N, C-alpha and C. Protein backbone atom coordinates (compact mmCIF):
# COMPACT_ATOMS: atom_id res chain seq x y z
N MET A 1 -6.57 15.93 5.32
CA MET A 1 -4.95 15.96 4.97
C MET A 1 -5.24 16.19 3.46
N ASN A 2 -4.07 16.62 2.85
CA ASN A 2 -4.39 16.72 0.85
C ASN A 2 -3.17 15.52 0.07
N MET A 3 -4.07 14.23 0.29
CA MET A 3 -3.02 13.01 -0.33
C MET A 3 -3.51 13.01 -2.45
N THR A 4 -2.66 12.82 -3.39
CA THR A 4 -3.13 12.68 -4.38
C THR A 4 -3.92 10.98 -4.08
N ASN A 5 -4.61 11.30 -5.83
CA ASN A 5 -5.14 9.85 -5.88
C ASN A 5 -4.22 8.22 -5.26
N PRO A 6 -4.43 7.00 -5.15
CA PRO A 6 -3.40 6.10 -4.19
C PRO A 6 -2.89 5.81 -5.67
N GLU A 7 -2.55 4.41 -5.16
CA GLU A 7 -1.89 3.71 -6.67
C GLU A 7 -2.35 2.38 -6.76
N TYR A 8 -2.95 1.65 -5.86
CA TYR A 8 -3.40 0.54 -4.73
C TYR A 8 -4.55 0.72 -4.64
N ARG A 9 -5.52 0.07 -4.04
CA ARG A 9 -6.24 -0.67 -2.93
C ARG A 9 -6.18 -2.13 -3.21
N VAL A 10 -6.21 -2.02 -2.03
CA VAL A 10 -5.92 -3.76 -1.24
C VAL A 10 -7.30 -4.11 -0.48
N ASN A 11 -7.45 -5.29 -0.25
CA ASN A 11 -8.01 -5.85 0.46
C ASN A 11 -7.79 -7.13 1.52
N ILE A 12 -7.72 -7.06 2.77
CA ILE A 12 -6.78 -8.32 3.12
C ILE A 12 -8.19 -8.05 4.97
N GLY A 13 -8.72 -9.54 4.29
CA GLY A 13 -10.16 -9.58 5.05
C GLY A 13 -10.84 -9.10 4.59
N GLU A 14 -11.83 -8.21 5.08
CA GLU A 14 -12.75 -7.34 5.32
C GLU A 14 -12.46 -5.95 5.44
N ASN A 15 -10.90 -5.37 5.73
CA ASN A 15 -10.07 -4.52 5.92
C ASN A 15 -9.99 -4.18 4.21
N GLY A 16 -10.30 -3.04 3.80
CA GLY A 16 -9.59 -1.97 2.75
C GLY A 16 -8.77 -0.82 3.06
N TYR A 17 -7.59 -0.96 2.59
CA TYR A 17 -6.49 -0.01 2.42
C TYR A 17 -6.20 0.53 1.32
N PHE A 18 -5.54 2.13 1.51
CA PHE A 18 -5.19 2.45 0.10
C PHE A 18 -3.82 2.62 -0.14
N LEU A 19 -2.65 2.32 -0.68
CA LEU A 19 -1.49 2.43 -0.89
C LEU A 19 -1.27 3.29 -1.31
N TRP A 20 0.20 4.21 -1.35
CA TRP A 20 0.86 4.89 -2.16
C TRP A 20 2.25 4.43 -2.11
N VAL A 21 2.77 3.84 -3.16
CA VAL A 21 3.99 2.83 -2.83
C VAL A 21 5.37 3.65 -3.69
N ASP A 22 6.56 3.43 -2.76
CA ASP A 22 7.76 4.40 -3.74
C ASP A 22 8.51 3.47 -3.64
N GLU A 23 9.95 3.08 -3.78
CA GLU A 23 11.25 2.73 -4.11
C GLU A 23 10.82 2.49 -3.01
N ASP A 24 11.38 2.58 -2.20
CA ASP A 24 11.84 3.08 -0.10
C ASP A 24 11.09 3.72 0.13
N ALA A 25 9.76 4.43 0.00
CA ALA A 25 8.23 4.27 1.29
C ALA A 25 7.05 3.79 0.48
N ILE A 26 5.90 3.35 1.42
CA ILE A 26 4.41 3.16 1.46
C ILE A 26 3.72 3.75 2.45
N THR A 27 2.83 4.12 2.13
CA THR A 27 2.03 5.18 3.17
C THR A 27 0.65 4.87 2.60
N LEU A 28 -0.20 4.05 3.93
CA LEU A 28 -1.44 3.20 3.20
C LEU A 28 -2.14 4.19 4.54
N MET A 29 -3.46 3.67 3.82
CA MET A 29 -4.63 4.93 4.43
C MET A 29 -5.87 3.52 5.12
N ASN A 30 -6.84 3.45 5.78
CA ASN A 30 -7.52 2.38 6.09
C ASN A 30 -8.11 3.39 4.98
N VAL A 31 -9.47 2.32 4.22
CA VAL A 31 -10.70 3.02 3.42
C VAL A 31 -11.73 3.78 4.22
N LYS A 32 -11.62 3.06 5.63
CA LYS A 32 -13.24 3.91 6.29
C LYS A 32 -12.05 4.88 7.41
N ASP A 33 -11.17 5.12 7.73
CA ASP A 33 -10.72 5.83 8.50
C ASP A 33 -9.73 7.06 7.50
N THR A 34 -9.71 7.85 7.11
CA THR A 34 -8.99 8.12 6.08
C THR A 34 -8.35 9.74 6.80
N HIS A 35 -8.49 10.03 8.20
CA HIS A 35 -7.82 11.19 8.83
C HIS A 35 -6.84 10.36 9.30
N MET A 36 -6.55 9.11 9.01
CA MET A 36 -4.75 8.46 9.71
C MET A 36 -3.95 7.94 8.60
N ILE A 37 -3.11 8.20 8.31
CA ILE A 37 -1.71 7.38 8.00
C ILE A 37 -1.08 7.00 8.32
N CYS A 38 -0.42 5.53 7.82
CA CYS A 38 0.61 5.08 8.22
C CYS A 38 2.09 4.68 7.59
N THR A 39 2.84 4.73 7.91
CA THR A 39 4.10 4.79 7.08
C THR A 39 4.96 3.31 7.60
N LEU A 40 5.38 2.38 6.57
CA LEU A 40 5.96 1.30 6.62
C LEU A 40 7.69 1.26 6.74
N THR A 41 8.09 0.49 7.98
CA THR A 41 9.26 0.93 7.89
C THR A 41 9.87 -0.23 6.69
N GLU A 42 11.36 0.30 6.44
CA GLU A 42 12.10 0.26 5.36
C GLU A 42 12.17 -1.41 4.96
N LEU A 43 12.14 -2.34 6.05
CA LEU A 43 11.77 -3.76 5.21
C LEU A 43 10.48 -4.06 5.00
N SER A 44 9.52 -3.52 6.00
CA SER A 44 8.61 -4.14 5.21
C SER A 44 8.25 -3.26 3.79
N VAL A 45 8.79 -2.19 3.75
CA VAL A 45 8.56 -1.56 1.85
C VAL A 45 9.06 -2.62 0.83
N LYS A 46 10.42 -3.47 1.25
CA LYS A 46 11.04 -4.32 0.64
C LYS A 46 10.03 -5.53 0.77
N LEU A 47 9.47 -5.87 1.45
CA LEU A 47 8.56 -7.00 1.31
C LEU A 47 7.65 -7.13 0.83
N VAL A 48 6.85 -5.74 1.07
CA VAL A 48 5.13 -5.36 -0.08
C VAL A 48 5.53 -4.83 -1.01
N ASN A 49 7.04 -4.37 -1.25
CA ASN A 49 7.01 -4.12 -3.27
C ASN A 49 8.06 -5.89 -3.53
N ASP A 50 8.16 -6.29 -3.23
CA ASP A 50 8.41 -7.91 -3.52
C ASP A 50 7.63 -8.49 -4.22
N GLU A 51 6.36 -8.66 -3.23
CA GLU A 51 5.03 -9.10 -3.24
C GLU A 51 4.06 -8.70 -4.42
N ILE A 52 3.99 -6.86 -4.29
CA ILE A 52 3.46 -6.48 -5.90
C ILE A 52 4.40 -6.86 -7.03
N ALA A 53 5.51 -7.02 -7.49
CA ALA A 53 6.32 -7.40 -8.21
C ALA A 53 5.77 -8.96 -8.26
N ASN A 54 5.66 -9.58 -7.73
CA ASN A 54 5.57 -10.92 -8.22
C ASN A 54 4.18 -11.14 -8.30
N TYR A 55 3.20 -10.35 -7.94
CA TYR A 55 1.78 -10.43 -8.50
C TYR A 55 1.85 -9.98 -9.85
N TYR A 56 2.81 -8.92 -10.27
CA TYR A 56 2.35 -8.83 -11.81
C TYR A 56 2.61 -9.75 -12.89
N THR A 57 4.48 -10.17 -12.41
CA THR A 57 5.06 -10.81 -12.58
C THR A 57 4.30 -12.07 -13.11
N ASN A 58 3.59 -12.62 -12.10
CA ASN A 58 2.87 -13.93 -12.13
C ASN A 58 1.43 -14.09 -13.16
N LYS A 59 1.19 -12.91 -13.10
CA LYS A 59 -0.52 -12.65 -12.80
C LYS A 59 -0.76 -13.35 -15.03
N ASN A 60 0.14 -13.51 -15.44
CA ASN A 60 0.10 -14.02 -16.38
C ASN A 60 0.19 -15.36 -16.91
């Protein structure tokens, strides 16, 4: 699978994930299993986008 470089790398527990984020779509890939990707549902996309925005808003 040919993918562009990910926009984000996040760690959840001991697992790492690459994330590609658009306003209406998010694709993620486990860093240890790069042969499979997952696409999030519309509701999940909104929740993740909100969390990313909150992180950057409250970072300073």
